[in-house]
Amino acid sequence: HFITPNYFSMLFKKETGQSFSEYVNGLRIQKSVELLLNTSNKVFEIAEYVGYKEYKYFVQVFKKQVGFTPTQYRRMNAAQESREKQIES
């Protein structure tokens, strides 16, 4: 059986409480957070890797979900890691 995209969207939202695009954006942002923390790739490269063709849109979605731009997020976490390493020493 085939289902229409609209019916799929309705079922998906009913089961998960979010739209399919919200779900996919969430997965993309999760992966981008991982890449921001564990690679030195440029933000635009990470955006492309996780499926955003438009860098500005990626930054907008990231900020809406995380509360910071990708660059701010990376800097904050790098500073946090640096403080933690100082404490361990």
Protein backbone atom coordinates (compact mmCIF):
# COMPACT_ATOMS: atom_id res chain seq x y z
CA HIS A 1 0.00 0.00 0.00
CA PHE A 2 1.08 3.51 -0.75
CA ILE A 3 0.14 6.50 1.36
CA THR A 4 0.04 10.13 0.35
CA PRO A 5 2.60 12.57 1.74
CA ASN A 6 -0.19 14.43 3.54
CA TYR A 7 -1.45 11.26 5.21
CA PHE A 8 2.10 10.30 6.19
CA SER A 9 2.62 13.76 7.70
CA MET A 10 -0.60 13.49 9.67
CA LEU A 11 0.32 10.02 11.01
CA PHE A 12 3.85 11.10 11.83
CA LYS A 13 2.68 14.14 13.80
CA LYS A 14 0.06 12.08 15.60
CA GLU A 15 2.68 9.53 16.69
CA THR A 16 5.60 11.85 17.49
CA GLY A 17 3.98 15.18 18.33
CA GLN A 18 6.08 16.95 15.73
CA SER A 19 6.07 17.35 12.00
CA PHE A 20 8.39 15.26 9.86
CA SER A 21 10.43 18.34 8.91
CA GLU A 22 10.79 19.31 12.59
CA TYR A 23 12.00 15.78 13.31
CA VAL A 24 14.53 15.81 10.47
CA ASN A 25 15.76 19.28 11.45
CA GLY A 26 16.23 17.98 15.00
CA LEU A 27 18.36 15.09 13.76
CA ARG A 28 20.39 17.42 11.56
CA ILE A 29 21.01 19.83 14.43
CA GLN A 30 22.01 16.96 16.76
CA LYS A 31 24.57 15.79 14.23
CA SER A 32 25.83 19.32 13.66
CA VAL A 33 26.34 19.79 17.42
CA GLU A 34 28.39 16.60 17.45
CA LEU A 35 30.48 17.83 14.51
CA LEU A 36 30.95 21.30 16.01
CA LEU A 37 32.33 19.77 19.19
CA ASN A 38 34.42 16.99 17.67
CA THR A 39 35.81 18.40 14.42
CA SER A 40 37.51 21.56 13.26
CA ASN A 41 35.36 21.72 10.12
CA LYS A 42 34.06 25.13 9.20
CA VAL A 43 30.45 25.84 10.07
CA PHE A 44 29.39 26.09 6.41
CA GLU A 45 30.95 22.65 5.78
CA ILE A 46 29.02 21.17 8.69
CA ALA A 47 25.84 22.80 7.40
CA GLU A 48 26.30 21.16 4.01
CA TYR A 49 27.26 17.81 5.55
CA VAL A 50 24.06 17.62 7.62
CA GLY A 51 21.91 18.57 4.64
CA TYR A 52 21.46 22.34 4.61
CA LYS A 53 22.13 23.95 1.25
CA GLU A 54 21.65 27.46 2.63
CA TYR A 55 24.17 28.41 5.32
CA LYS A 56 22.00 31.26 6.66
CA TYR A 57 19.00 28.95 7.04
CA PHE A 58 21.16 26.44 8.93
CA VAL A 59 22.31 29.15 11.35
CA GLN A 60 18.69 30.27 11.82
CA VAL A 61 17.44 26.74 12.56
CA PHE A 62 20.42 26.00 14.80
CA LYS A 63 19.91 29.17 16.84
CA LYS A 64 16.18 28.51 17.20
CA GLN A 65 16.81 24.97 18.52
CA VAL A 66 20.00 25.49 20.54
CA GLY A 67 19.73 29.13 21.58
CA PHE A 68 23.08 30.15 20.10
CA THR A 69 24.62 30.39 16.67
CA PRO A 70 26.85 27.46 15.71
CA THR A 71 29.96 29.63 16.13
CA GLN A 72 28.86 30.84 19.58
CA TYR A 73 28.07 27.28 20.59
CA ARG A 74 31.48 26.00 19.50
CA ARG A 75 33.31 28.85 21.28
CA MET A 76 31.37 28.35 24.51
CA ASN A 77 32.06 24.64 24.57
CA ALA A 78 35.73 25.11 23.70
CA ALA A 79 36.02 27.55 26.60
CA GLN A 80 34.23 25.09 28.90
CA GLU A 81 36.57 22.26 27.88
CA SER A 82 39.57 24.50 28.48
CA ARG A 83 38.32 25.32 32.02
CA GLU A 84 37.69 21.63 32.73
CA LYS A 85 41.21 20.69 31.63
CA GLN A 86 42.67 23.40 33.90
CA ILE A 87 40.71 22.00 36.86
CA GLU A 88 41.97 18.48 36.13
CA SER A 89 45.62 19.63 36.08
